[in-house]
Amino acid sequence: MEYNLADLFESVVDVVPDREALLYVDHPGTGAERRLTYAELDASANRIAHHLVDAGIRPGEHLGLHLYNGVEYLQTVLGALKARIVPVNVNYRYVEEELVYLYRDADLAALVFDGEFDERVAAAAPQATGLRHLIRVGPAPTARTGPSPAAPPGPPVVPFGEAERSGSAGRGFASRSGDDQFIIYTGGTTGMPKGVMWRQEDLFFSGLGGGAPTGDPVKSPGELARRVAAGGEGITFFPTPPLMHGTSTLTAFIGFNFGQRVVVHRKFVPEEVLRTIEREKVTSVSLVGDAMLRPLIDCLKGPCRGTDCSSLFSVSSSGAVMSDSVRAEFQALVPTVMLLNNFGSSESGFNGTATADSGPENGFRVRVNARTAVVDPATHEPVAPGEPGRIAQRGHVPLGYYNDPAKTADTFFHRGGERWVLLGDMATVDADGIVTVLGRGSQCINTGGEKVYPEEVEQALKSHPDVYDALVAGVPDERWGNRVAAVVQLRDSTGTLSLAAVQEHCRSRLAGYKIPRALVLADRIRRSPSGKADYRWAKAVAAEDGRA
């Protein structure tokens, strides 16, 4: 047995087959839900795996998951891994042109998609010549009235239920390897997405904590099941963002590696999230920054006032920071919860957690693991304390970007006999090894030679009592090259906020050159379904607005 995700999952199933593994809650208000034990989830994954094999999808070929959250998502990921087929996440917000790019770039041989996306898939799939097997989850949407342009013929579509019924519930798969791959597509807001190629053994240790994210990693594959058998149950993991983003799927696998229960909702609806926390005694929630935490606060102060969240042990965020002011609001409502700002990426997995003194005054300070360093991007040597560099990680890192040798060469390197990945985040490190994350180098604003990282300014803006959400971007300036522009969503949609008031608020929190010189009030800040910032949109809005 190797550090293979399917092998590890099966080893857990064999020691706790009757324990509840997954609870899925469908559309809000319908009351529809599904509960599966570990044995039931294993059997359902086996059925899809055998169907894929019978359909001619071979080990090493790629299967896309173009789905909302659901049992079918995790069932299909597990089924693909069992059959040594490589799962590939597909962003369900993509339109035809983006889908065609991803289907082709990822060399998809098969695709499992939600019926709601039937029209887009019908248009894009025939343009990906290697895609030969389609499985639809749920019914196709009702046909539109009137004529519509005919899509070119593509592969036939198999209903998911039919695919499931056709496959055997038993295992009987060929032996697997820690070298089997798992691909996570990332990006798309500043360019076309890139497929991060992980060996499953590397992903197990970097993305899943080696079977013990808060303790000592397992020393052998068999130790995982022994730990599960020796431990009890009672932990419920609730990844609230879409499973199409790597963090949520990896959170679910962490839950499975502990032999605990995982809860997923089809979509993020704050009221339903809180009701599930209360009803199911959820202990651990993962989300993405203020964009998800603020709506929960609004519900707890409004329609869900009095909801019992006392079971919550932790609320963690990755991909975006929970700002100090928003964390304080939630902490006042749920005083016993631990709020964790985690730092990581699709290219590195988990790097560390923000320190207690992290915030607008000190910056986003992270206590990183022993495999993370801050290096000079040109020489790849560690920088001196206080000097800026880029965050890098060694050891269990990805193989590179699929189908992109140029970006792979720019991002991955070897030093000291180990593989390294160079992340896009700029940072400094102090004498105690604490890393202060400055922000994404690609979003850095150069104003008169001074560098401003949007995240720092956004933290200051969000501490203003009238600000609900904010993004910061650089816009052209004849004198300074660029100036700092703030795009702000107010708490009160009928309210107003002046640039002078924003500047006065920021003056005690930021150096003068970091203070916004332009302000745009937006009805809503645009973010991805998981809450990640759309800086390309913010920059365009700021540049086009008359005040910027």
Protein backbone atom coordinates (compact mmCIF):
# COMPACT_ATOMS: atom_id res chain seq x y z
CA MET A 1 0.00 0.00 0.00
CA GLU A 2 1.27 3.46 -0.93
CA TYR A 3 0.20 7.01 -0.13
CA ASN A 4 -2.57 6.87 -2.70
CA LEU A 5 -5.78 8.76 -1.89
CA ALA A 6 -8.11 5.97 -3.02
CA ASP A 7 -6.15 3.32 -1.09
CA LEU A 8 -6.18 5.50 2.01
CA PHE A 9 -9.92 6.14 1.73
CA GLU A 10 -10.65 2.43 1.36
CA SER A 11 -8.51 1.66 4.40
CA VAL A 12 -10.68 4.07 6.46
CA VAL A 13 -13.89 2.56 5.05
CA ASP A 14 -12.78 -0.89 6.16
CA VAL A 15 -12.43 0.13 9.82
CA VAL A 16 -15.51 2.39 10.16
CA PRO A 17 -17.93 1.18 7.42
CA ASP A 18 -21.12 2.09 9.31
CA ARG A 19 -20.02 5.55 10.41
CA GLU A 20 -21.71 8.50 8.65
CA ALA A 21 -19.32 9.93 6.07
CA LEU A 22 -21.32 12.51 4.12
CA LEU A 23 -24.39 14.67 4.56
CA TYR A 24 -25.57 16.60 1.52
CA VAL A 25 -28.23 19.32 1.72
CA ASP A 26 -29.89 20.22 -1.58
CA HIS A 27 -31.67 23.43 -2.59
CA PRO A 28 -32.49 25.66 0.39
CA GLY A 29 -36.01 25.28 1.68
CA THR A 30 -36.68 21.92 0.01
CA GLY A 31 -35.55 19.89 2.99
CA ALA A 32 -33.97 17.39 0.59
CA GLU A 33 -30.86 15.74 1.95
CA ARG A 34 -28.79 12.57 1.54
CA ARG A 35 -26.76 10.77 4.17
CA LEU A 36 -24.18 8.15 3.29
CA THR A 37 -22.11 5.94 5.54
CA TYR A 38 -18.49 5.21 4.62
CA ALA A 39 -19.54 1.85 3.16
CA GLU A 40 -22.31 3.47 1.09
CA LEU A 41 -20.03 6.23 -0.22
CA ASP A 42 -17.40 3.63 -1.08
CA ALA A 43 -19.90 1.48 -2.99
CA SER A 44 -21.30 4.48 -4.89
CA ALA A 45 -17.77 5.53 -5.89
CA ASN A 46 -17.02 1.98 -7.02
CA ARG A 47 -20.07 2.04 -9.32
CA ILE A 48 -18.92 5.22 -11.09
CA ALA A 49 -15.35 3.94 -11.29
CA HIS A 50 -16.44 0.69 -12.98
CA HIS A 51 -18.71 2.60 -15.35
CA LEU A 52 -15.81 4.82 -16.44
CA VAL A 53 -13.57 1.80 -16.97
CA ASP A 54 -16.31 0.02 -18.94
CA ALA A 55 -16.75 3.18 -21.04
CA GLY A 56 -13.11 2.94 -22.08
CA ILE A 57 -11.59 5.69 -19.93
CA ARG A 58 -8.07 4.50 -19.21
CA PRO A 59 -5.75 5.00 -16.23
CA GLY A 60 -3.95 8.35 -16.51
CA GLU A 61 -6.65 9.92 -18.69
CA HIS A 62 -8.41 13.06 -17.44
CA LEU A 63 -12.00 13.47 -16.24
CA GLY A 64 -13.55 16.91 -15.76
CA LEU A 65 -15.99 17.76 -12.96
CA HIS A 66 -18.27 20.59 -14.13
CA LEU A 67 -20.63 20.46 -11.17
CA TYR A 68 -22.23 22.27 -8.29
CA ASN A 69 -21.61 20.78 -4.86
CA GLY A 70 -23.26 17.42 -4.30
CA VAL A 71 -22.80 13.78 -3.47
CA GLU A 72 -22.01 13.19 -7.14
CA TYR A 73 -18.99 15.51 -6.98
CA LEU A 74 -17.18 13.64 -4.21
CA GLN A 75 -18.46 10.29 -5.44
CA THR A 76 -16.99 10.96 -8.88
CA VAL A 77 -13.65 12.23 -7.53
CA LEU A 78 -13.31 9.08 -5.45
CA GLY A 79 -14.43 6.91 -8.37
CA ALA A 80 -11.86 8.48 -10.68
CA LEU A 81 -9.09 7.96 -8.13
CA LYS A 82 -10.12 4.33 -7.63
CA ALA A 83 -9.81 3.71 -11.40
CA ARG A 84 -6.52 5.71 -11.60
CA ILE A 85 -8.29 8.33 -13.73
CA VAL A 86 -7.14 11.90 -13.05
CA PRO A 87 -9.87 14.23 -11.72
CA VAL A 88 -9.86 17.82 -13.03
CA ASN A 89 -12.00 20.60 -11.52
CA VAL A 90 -13.94 22.88 -13.89
CA ASN A 91 -15.10 26.36 -12.84
CA TYR A 92 -18.87 26.34 -13.39
CA ARG A 93 -18.91 30.10 -14.00
CA TYR A 94 -16.95 29.70 -17.23
CA VAL A 95 -18.63 30.57 -20.49
CA GLU A 96 -18.22 28.69 -23.77
CA GLU A 97 -14.86 30.16 -24.82
CA GLU A 98 -13.29 29.52 -21.41
CA LEU A 99 -14.71 26.01 -21.26
CA VAL A 100 -13.35 25.15 -24.68
CA TYR A 101 -9.91 26.34 -23.54
CA LEU A 102 -10.00 24.27 -20.35
CA TYR A 103 -11.46 21.14 -21.94
CA ARG A 104 -8.69 21.25 -24.54
CA ASP A 105 -5.86 22.35 -22.27
CA ALA A 106 -6.68 19.62 -19.74
CA ASP A 107 -7.06 16.97 -22.50
CA LEU A 108 -10.33 15.79 -21.01
CA ALA A 109 -11.41 12.32 -22.07
CA ALA A 110 -14.61 12.38 -19.99
CA LEU A 111 -16.79 14.98 -18.33
CA VAL A 112 -19.37 14.79 -15.54
CA PHE A 113 -21.54 17.91 -15.61
CA ASP A 114 -24.62 19.39 -13.97
CA GLY A 115 -27.77 19.50 -16.10
CA GLU A 116 -28.03 23.25 -15.49
CA PHE A 117 -24.93 23.66 -17.66
CA ASP A 118 -26.30 21.54 -20.49
CA GLU A 119 -26.37 24.34 -23.07
CA ARG A 120 -22.82 25.49 -22.40
CA VAL A 121 -21.48 21.94 -22.40
CA ALA A 122 -23.34 21.15 -25.64
CA ALA A 123 -21.63 24.13 -27.29
CA ALA A 124 -18.14 23.57 -25.89
CA ALA A 125 -17.74 19.78 -25.80
CA PRO A 126 -17.72 19.15 -29.58
CA GLN A 127 -14.82 21.61 -29.90
CA ALA A 128 -12.66 19.43 -27.62
CA THR A 129 -11.91 16.53 -29.93
CA GLY A 130 -10.46 14.29 -27.22
CA LEU A 131 -13.61 14.44 -25.10
CA ARG A 132 -15.51 11.24 -25.82
CA HIS A 133 -17.71 10.47 -22.79
CA LEU A 134 -20.27 12.72 -21.09
CA ILE A 135 -22.31 12.06 -17.92
CA ARG A 136 -25.12 14.42 -16.91
CA VAL A 137 -26.10 14.87 -13.25
CA GLY A 138 -29.80 15.67 -12.92
CA PRO A 139 -32.19 16.51 -15.74
CA ALA A 140 -31.36 18.82 -18.59
CA PRO A 141 -33.00 22.26 -18.25
CA THR A 142 -36.36 22.77 -19.93
CA ALA A 143 -35.90 23.60 -23.59
CA ARG A 144 -36.17 27.27 -24.46
CA THR A 145 -39.00 28.43 -26.65
CA GLY A 146 -38.10 29.39 -30.18
CA PRO A 147 -35.26 28.20 -32.41
CA SER A 148 -31.72 28.04 -31.09
CA PRO A 149 -28.51 27.54 -33.03
CA ALA A 150 -27.70 23.87 -33.40
CA ALA A 151 -24.49 22.76 -31.72
CA PRO A 152 -22.13 20.50 -33.64
CA PRO A 153 -22.58 16.83 -32.87
CA GLY A 154 -20.67 15.61 -29.82
CA PRO A 155 -20.39 12.43 -27.78
CA PRO A 156 -23.64 10.96 -26.43
CA VAL A 157 -24.72 11.93 -22.92
CA VAL A 158 -25.28 9.27 -20.24
CA PRO A 159 -27.55 10.14 -17.28
CA PHE A 160 -25.64 9.86 -13.99
CA GLY A 161 -28.19 7.46 -12.52
CA GLU A 162 -27.80 5.15 -15.48
CA ALA A 163 -24.00 5.31 -15.23
CA GLU A 164 -24.23 4.49 -11.53
CA ARG A 165 -26.56 1.54 -12.04
CA SER A 166 -24.36 0.06 -14.75
CA GLY A 167 -21.26 -0.23 -12.55
CA SER A 168 -20.46 -2.86 -9.94
CA ALA A 169 -20.56 -1.86 -6.25
CA GLY A 170 -17.50 -4.01 -5.53
CA ARG A 171 -13.89 -2.92 -5.78
CA GLY A 172 -11.71 -5.18 -7.86
CA PHE A 173 -9.44 -2.45 -9.23
CA ALA A 174 -5.84 -2.67 -10.36
CA SER A 175 -3.10 -1.72 -7.91
CA ARG A 176 -2.49 1.99 -7.50
CA SER A 177 0.51 4.20 -6.82
CA GLY A 178 1.51 7.30 -4.89
CA ASP A 179 2.61 8.62 -8.28
CA ASP A 180 -0.99 8.68 -9.55
CA GLN A 181 -1.96 12.26 -10.28
CA PHE A 182 -4.55 14.77 -9.09
CA ILE A 183 -4.88 18.02 -11.09
CA ILE A 184 -6.19 21.28 -9.65
CA TYR A 185 -6.96 24.05 -12.12
CA THR A 186 -6.39 27.48 -10.65
CA GLY A 187 -6.56 31.10 -11.79
CA GLY A 188 -8.65 32.70 -14.48
CA THR A 189 -9.09 36.23 -13.04
CA THR A 190 -5.74 37.48 -14.41
CA GLY A 191 -5.34 35.05 -17.29
CA MET A 192 -6.36 31.62 -18.48
CA PRO A 193 -6.38 28.89 -15.82
CA LYS A 194 -3.42 26.61 -15.16
CA GLY A 195 -3.56 22.95 -14.18
CA VAL A 196 -1.40 22.17 -11.13
CA MET A 197 -0.17 18.56 -11.36
CA TRP A 198 0.15 16.84 -8.00
CA ARG A 199 1.46 13.38 -7.23
CA GLN A 200 -1.08 11.99 -4.77
CA GLU A 201 1.60 11.25 -2.18
CA ASP A 202 2.78 14.88 -2.31
CA LEU A 203 -0.79 16.17 -2.11
CA PHE A 204 -1.46 13.93 0.90
CA PHE A 205 1.38 15.52 2.86
CA SER A 206 1.18 19.14 1.62
CA GLY A 207 -2.55 19.59 1.04
CA LEU A 208 -4.01 17.12 3.54
CA GLY A 209 -1.52 17.40 6.38
CA GLY A 210 -0.26 13.86 6.08
CA GLY A 211 -3.38 12.52 7.76
CA ALA A 212 -3.01 14.84 10.77
CA PRO A 213 -3.12 18.54 9.84
CA THR A 214 -2.77 19.62 13.48
CA GLY A 215 -0.43 16.86 14.66
CA ASP A 216 2.30 14.51 13.52
CA PRO A 217 1.87 13.13 9.98
CA VAL A 218 1.48 9.39 9.65
CA LYS A 219 4.71 7.46 9.18
CA SER A 220 3.18 4.77 6.97
CA PRO A 221 -0.01 4.44 4.87
CA GLY A 222 -1.41 1.78 7.20
CA GLU A 223 -1.12 4.08 10.21
CA LEU A 224 -4.00 6.24 8.93
CA ALA A 225 -6.63 3.53 9.36
CA ARG A 226 -5.15 2.49 12.72
CA ARG A 227 -5.56 6.07 13.98
CA VAL A 228 -9.17 6.17 12.76
CA ALA A 229 -9.97 2.82 14.37
CA ALA A 230 -8.45 3.94 17.67
CA GLY A 231 -10.22 7.31 17.68
CA GLY A 232 -13.85 8.23 18.06
CA GLU A 233 -16.28 10.27 16.04
CA GLY A 234 -17.92 13.59 16.70
CA ILE A 235 -16.12 16.01 14.36
CA THR A 236 -18.13 17.46 11.49
CA PHE A 237 -16.30 19.29 8.70
CA PHE A 238 -18.32 21.78 6.68
CA PRO A 239 -16.54 23.18 3.59
CA THR A 240 -18.94 25.95 2.48
CA PRO A 241 -17.27 27.15 -0.77
CA PRO A 242 -17.76 25.30 -4.06
CA LEU A 243 -16.01 21.95 -4.32
CA MET A 244 -14.74 23.08 -7.72
CA HIS A 245 -12.13 25.07 -5.77
CA GLY A 246 -9.35 22.83 -4.52
CA THR A 247 -9.57 23.97 -0.89
CA SER A 248 -13.09 22.63 -0.37
CA THR A 249 -12.40 19.23 -1.94
CA LEU A 250 -9.21 18.90 0.09
CA THR A 251 -11.11 19.84 3.27
CA ALA A 252 -13.57 17.03 2.53
CA PHE A 253 -10.68 14.59 2.12
CA ILE A 254 -9.18 15.74 5.42
CA GLY A 255 -12.51 14.83 7.01
CA PHE A 256 -12.46 11.41 5.34
CA ASN A 257 -8.86 10.83 6.47
CA PHE A 258 -10.03 11.38 10.05
CA GLY A 259 -12.96 9.01 9.55
CA GLN A 260 -15.33 11.85 10.43
CA ARG A 261 -18.42 13.37 8.85
CA VAL A 262 -18.36 15.90 6.00
CA VAL A 263 -21.29 18.22 5.24
CA VAL A 264 -21.80 19.96 1.88
CA HIS A 265 -24.51 22.28 0.60
CA ARG A 266 -25.32 22.67 -3.07
CA LYS A 267 -24.76 26.43 -2.82
CA PHE A 268 -23.70 28.90 -0.13
CA VAL A 269 -26.87 30.33 1.43
CA PRO A 270 -26.03 31.94 4.81
CA GLU A 271 -29.34 31.15 6.52
CA GLU A 272 -29.11 27.47 5.53
CA VAL A 273 -25.47 27.26 6.59
CA LEU A 274 -26.35 28.51 10.08
CA ARG A 275 -29.35 26.18 10.38
CA THR A 276 -27.14 23.23 9.45
CA ILE A 277 -24.49 24.26 11.98
CA GLU A 278 -27.14 24.28 14.70
CA ARG A 279 -28.99 21.11 13.64
CA GLU A 280 -25.94 18.95 12.88
CA LYS A 281 -23.67 20.31 15.63
CA VAL A 282 -21.00 21.26 13.10
CA THR A 283 -17.55 21.68 14.65
CA SER A 284 -15.37 23.00 11.81
CA VAL A 285 -16.39 25.42 9.04
CA SER A 286 -14.13 26.48 6.19
CA LEU A 287 -14.90 29.52 4.06
CA VAL A 288 -13.18 32.24 2.04
CA GLY A 289 -12.66 35.56 3.79
CA ASP A 290 -15.05 38.38 4.59
CA ALA A 291 -17.18 37.69 1.52
CA MET A 292 -18.53 34.59 3.26
CA LEU A 293 -18.13 35.56 6.91
CA ARG A 294 -19.99 38.89 6.64
CA PRO A 295 -23.26 37.31 5.35
CA LEU A 296 -23.16 34.88 8.29
CA ILE A 297 -22.79 37.83 10.67
CA ASP A 298 -25.70 39.65 9.02
CA CYS A 299 -27.90 36.56 9.45
CA LEU A 300 -26.90 36.08 13.08
CA LYS A 301 -27.85 39.70 13.73
CA GLY A 302 -31.05 39.43 11.70
CA PRO A 303 -33.20 36.49 10.53
CA CYS A 304 -31.08 33.85 12.31
CA ARG A 305 -30.68 35.72 15.59
CA GLY A 306 -30.38 33.23 18.42
CA THR A 307 -29.08 30.35 16.27
CA ASP A 308 -27.05 27.99 18.44
CA CYS A 309 -23.47 27.91 17.09
CA SER A 310 -21.93 26.67 20.33
CA SER A 311 -20.76 23.43 18.66
CA LEU A 312 -18.38 25.39 16.44
CA PHE A 313 -14.75 24.89 17.40
CA SER A 314 -13.12 26.60 14.42
CA VAL A 315 -13.88 28.75 11.39
CA SER A 316 -10.98 28.83 8.96
CA SER A 317 -10.36 30.84 5.82
CA SER A 318 -7.96 30.35 2.95
CA GLY A 319 -7.76 32.16 -0.37
CA ALA A 320 -8.76 35.46 1.25
CA VAL A 321 -8.16 37.01 4.64
CA MET A 322 -10.86 37.47 7.28
CA SER A 323 -10.22 41.09 8.29
CA ASP A 324 -9.77 42.05 11.93
CA SER A 325 -12.97 44.08 12.13
CA VAL A 326 -15.13 41.31 10.63
CA ARG A 327 -13.51 38.66 12.82
CA ALA A 328 -14.26 40.77 15.90
CA GLU A 329 -17.93 41.03 14.89
CA PHE A 330 -18.24 37.26 14.51
CA GLN A 331 -16.29 36.59 17.70
CA ALA A 332 -18.74 38.79 19.63
CA LEU A 333 -21.62 36.66 18.33
CA VAL A 334 -19.88 33.28 18.76
CA PRO A 335 -17.34 33.92 21.54
CA THR A 336 -16.08 30.34 21.88
CA VAL A 337 -15.03 29.86 18.25
CA MET A 338 -11.42 29.93 17.06
CA LEU A 339 -10.97 32.01 13.88
CA LEU A 340 -8.06 30.93 11.68
CA ASN A 341 -6.60 32.76 8.70
CA ASN A 342 -4.72 30.01 6.89
CA PHE A 343 -2.17 30.61 4.16
CA GLY A 344 -1.69 28.30 1.21
CA SER A 345 -2.28 27.86 -2.50
CA SER A 346 -3.10 25.31 -5.20
CA GLU A 347 0.65 25.12 -5.89
CA SER A 348 1.78 24.57 -2.29
CA GLY A 349 -1.07 23.19 -0.22
CA PHE A 350 -0.99 24.43 3.37
CA ASN A 351 1.86 26.73 4.44
CA GLY A 352 0.81 28.08 7.82
CA THR A 353 -1.64 30.04 9.96
CA ALA A 354 -1.70 33.74 10.82
CA THR A 355 -0.29 34.72 14.21
CA ALA A 356 -2.35 36.38 16.93
CA ASP A 357 -0.73 39.77 16.28
CA SER A 358 -1.49 39.65 12.57
CA GLY A 359 -3.51 42.69 11.44
CA PRO A 360 -3.47 46.13 9.83
CA GLU A 361 -0.76 47.45 12.18
CA ASN A 362 1.68 44.54 11.83
CA GLY A 363 0.64 43.06 8.50
CA PHE A 364 -0.50 39.53 7.69
CA ARG A 365 2.00 37.55 9.77
CA VAL A 366 2.16 33.78 9.32
CA ARG A 367 3.89 31.07 11.34
CA VAL A 368 4.87 28.81 8.45
CA ASN A 369 5.88 25.16 8.36
CA ALA A 370 9.51 24.07 8.16
CA ARG A 371 9.31 23.54 4.39
CA THR A 372 8.41 27.17 3.61
CA ALA A 373 10.94 29.97 3.05
CA VAL A 374 11.20 33.48 1.60
CA VAL A 375 13.69 33.55 -1.29
CA ASP A 376 15.14 35.91 -3.84
CA PRO A 377 13.13 35.19 -7.02
CA ALA A 378 16.23 35.53 -9.21
CA THR A 379 18.76 33.47 -7.23
CA HIS A 380 16.34 31.28 -5.22
CA GLU A 381 18.51 31.89 -2.16
CA PRO A 382 16.91 32.80 1.20
CA VAL A 383 16.61 36.54 1.79
CA ALA A 384 17.95 38.28 4.88
CA PRO A 385 15.47 39.15 7.66
CA GLY A 386 13.40 42.17 6.66
CA GLU A 387 14.28 41.95 2.97
CA PRO A 388 11.42 41.34 0.50
CA GLY A 389 11.29 38.15 -1.51
CA ARG A 390 8.85 35.53 -2.70
CA ILE A 391 7.43 32.69 -0.69
CA ALA A 392 8.67 29.26 -1.75
CA GLN A 393 8.09 25.72 -0.55
CA ARG A 394 10.23 22.61 -0.86
CA GLY A 395 9.72 18.87 -0.67
CA HIS A 396 6.19 17.67 -1.33
CA VAL A 397 5.37 20.11 -4.11
CA PRO A 398 3.60 19.67 -7.49
CA LEU A 399 5.27 18.35 -10.62
CA GLY A 400 4.42 21.52 -12.53
CA TYR A 401 1.67 22.98 -14.69
CA TYR A 402 -0.04 20.64 -17.13
CA ASN A 403 0.67 21.43 -20.78
CA ASP A 404 2.74 24.51 -19.87
CA PRO A 405 6.51 23.93 -19.73
CA ALA A 406 7.26 27.67 -19.84
CA LYS A 407 5.22 28.51 -16.72
CA THR A 408 6.54 25.36 -15.05
CA ALA A 409 10.12 26.54 -15.62
CA ASP A 410 9.26 29.96 -14.19
CA THR A 411 7.62 28.57 -11.05
CA PHE A 412 9.34 25.30 -10.13
CA PHE A 413 13.04 24.80 -9.48
CA HIS A 414 15.54 22.48 -7.80
CA ARG A 415 17.87 23.50 -4.98
CA GLY A 416 19.71 21.44 -2.42
CA GLY A 417 18.55 18.21 -4.04
CA GLU A 418 14.87 19.07 -3.53
CA ARG A 419 12.00 20.29 -5.68
CA TRP A 420 10.77 23.82 -4.88
CA VAL A 421 7.77 25.86 -5.95
CA LEU A 422 8.00 29.67 -6.14
CA LEU A 423 4.67 31.24 -5.19
CA GLY A 424 3.35 34.58 -6.44
CA ASP A 425 3.20 36.10 -2.95
CA MET A 426 5.77 38.66 -1.86
CA ALA A 427 6.84 38.56 1.78
CA THR A 428 9.50 39.31 4.37
CA VAL A 429 10.73 37.08 7.19
CA ASP A 430 11.94 38.15 10.62
CA ALA A 431 14.69 36.70 12.81
CA ASP A 432 12.19 34.34 14.48
CA GLY A 433 11.07 32.88 11.16
CA ILE A 434 7.66 34.61 11.14
CA VAL A 435 6.67 35.50 7.57
CA THR A 436 4.83 38.75 6.82
CA VAL A 437 2.87 38.31 3.59
CA LEU A 438 2.85 41.53 1.56
CA GLY A 439 0.53 40.34 -1.21
CA ARG A 440 0.49 38.99 -4.74
CA GLY A 441 3.32 40.47 -6.72
CA SER A 442 1.10 40.62 -9.81
CA GLN A 443 -1.33 42.94 -7.99
CA CYS A 444 1.33 45.19 -6.43
CA ILE A 445 0.78 48.90 -7.16
CA ASN A 446 3.91 50.95 -7.94
CA THR A 447 3.13 54.56 -7.06
CA GLY A 448 6.06 56.94 -7.35
CA GLY A 449 8.49 54.08 -6.76
CA GLU A 450 6.73 52.93 -3.58
CA LYS A 451 5.09 49.50 -3.56
CA VAL A 452 1.55 49.10 -2.24
CA TYR A 453 -0.07 45.71 -1.78
CA PRO A 454 -3.88 45.82 -2.11
CA GLU A 455 -4.60 43.41 0.75
CA GLU A 456 -3.10 45.76 3.33
CA VAL A 457 -5.20 48.71 2.17
CA GLU A 458 -8.33 46.55 1.97
CA GLN A 459 -7.90 45.55 5.63
CA ALA A 460 -7.83 49.22 6.63
CA LEU A 461 -10.87 50.04 4.49
CA LYS A 462 -12.95 47.18 5.91
CA SER A 463 -12.43 48.48 9.44
CA HIS A 464 -14.51 51.58 8.51
CA PRO A 465 -18.00 51.15 10.01
CA ASP A 466 -19.75 52.07 6.73
CA VAL A 467 -17.72 49.71 4.51
CA TYR A 468 -19.11 46.25 3.77
CA ASP A 469 -16.49 45.08 1.28
CA ALA A 470 -13.61 46.59 -0.69
CA LEU A 471 -11.02 45.88 -3.36
CA VAL A 472 -8.01 48.02 -4.20
CA ALA A 473 -6.31 48.44 -7.57
CA GLY A 474 -3.82 50.74 -9.26
CA VAL A 475 -4.96 53.17 -11.95
CA PRO A 476 -2.71 55.23 -14.28
CA ASP A 477 -1.43 58.54 -12.97
CA GLU A 478 0.63 61.02 -15.03
CA ARG A 479 2.78 62.06 -12.09
CA TRP A 480 3.17 58.89 -10.02
CA GLY A 481 2.78 56.21 -12.70
CA ASN A 482 -0.10 54.67 -10.74
CA ARG A 483 -2.26 55.76 -7.84
CA VAL A 484 -4.19 53.72 -5.32
CA ALA A 485 -7.92 53.43 -6.07
CA ALA A 486 -10.50 51.87 -3.74
CA VAL A 487 -13.65 50.17 -4.99
CA VAL A 488 -16.05 50.05 -2.04
CA GLN A 489 -19.41 48.43 -1.30
CA LEU A 490 -21.24 50.18 1.52
CA ARG A 491 -23.24 48.47 4.25
CA ASP A 492 -26.20 50.74 3.44
CA SER A 493 -26.87 50.73 -0.29
CA THR A 494 -28.53 54.14 0.00
CA GLY A 495 -25.67 55.66 1.99
CA THR A 496 -22.69 57.66 0.86
CA LEU A 497 -19.01 57.93 1.71
CA SER A 498 -16.55 60.59 0.62
CA LEU A 499 -12.96 60.13 -0.46
CA ALA A 500 -11.93 62.57 2.29
CA ALA A 501 -13.61 60.41 4.94
CA VAL A 502 -11.88 57.29 3.62
CA GLN A 503 -8.51 59.02 3.65
CA GLU A 504 -9.00 60.30 7.19
CA HIS A 505 -9.93 56.81 8.37
CA CYS A 506 -6.87 55.26 6.73
CA ARG A 507 -4.39 57.93 7.84
CA SER A 508 -3.79 56.40 11.27
CA ARG A 509 -3.54 52.88 9.85
CA LEU A 510 -1.43 53.26 6.70
CA ALA A 511 1.62 55.14 5.48
CA GLY A 512 0.69 58.19 3.43
CA TYR A 513 1.62 56.71 0.04
CA LYS A 514 -0.75 53.74 0.66
CA ILE A 515 -3.85 55.88 1.28
CA PRO A 516 -6.41 55.72 -1.58
CA ARG A 517 -6.34 58.68 -3.94
CA ALA A 518 -9.54 57.63 -5.70
CA LEU A 519 -12.81 56.13 -4.54
CA VAL A 520 -15.49 54.27 -6.47
CA LEU A 521 -18.73 53.21 -4.79
CA ALA A 522 -20.07 49.96 -6.28
CA ASP A 523 -23.40 48.26 -5.72
CA ARG A 524 -21.56 45.00 -5.14
CA ILE A 525 -17.95 43.84 -5.10
CA ARG A 526 -17.40 41.14 -7.69
CA ARG A 527 -15.87 37.95 -6.36
CA SER A 528 -15.76 34.32 -7.40
CA PRO A 529 -18.33 31.89 -5.90
CA SER A 530 -15.71 31.02 -3.28
CA GLY A 531 -15.14 34.67 -2.31
CA LYS A 532 -11.84 35.26 -4.10
CA ALA A 533 -11.22 38.78 -5.33
CA ASP A 534 -11.66 39.70 -8.99
CA TYR A 535 -8.91 42.30 -9.32
CA ARG A 536 -9.24 42.53 -13.07
CA TRP A 537 -12.82 43.74 -12.58
CA ALA A 538 -11.80 46.17 -9.80
CA LYS A 539 -9.07 47.69 -11.93
CA ALA A 540 -11.45 48.17 -14.88
CA VAL A 541 -14.14 49.73 -12.68
CA ALA A 542 -11.66 52.07 -11.03
CA ALA A 543 -10.10 53.13 -14.32
CA GLU A 544 -13.42 53.77 -16.05
CA ASP A 545 -15.07 55.72 -13.23
CA GLY A 546 -14.85 59.51 -13.56
CA ARG A 547 -13.46 59.90 -10.05
CA ALA A 548 -10.56 57.62 -10.83
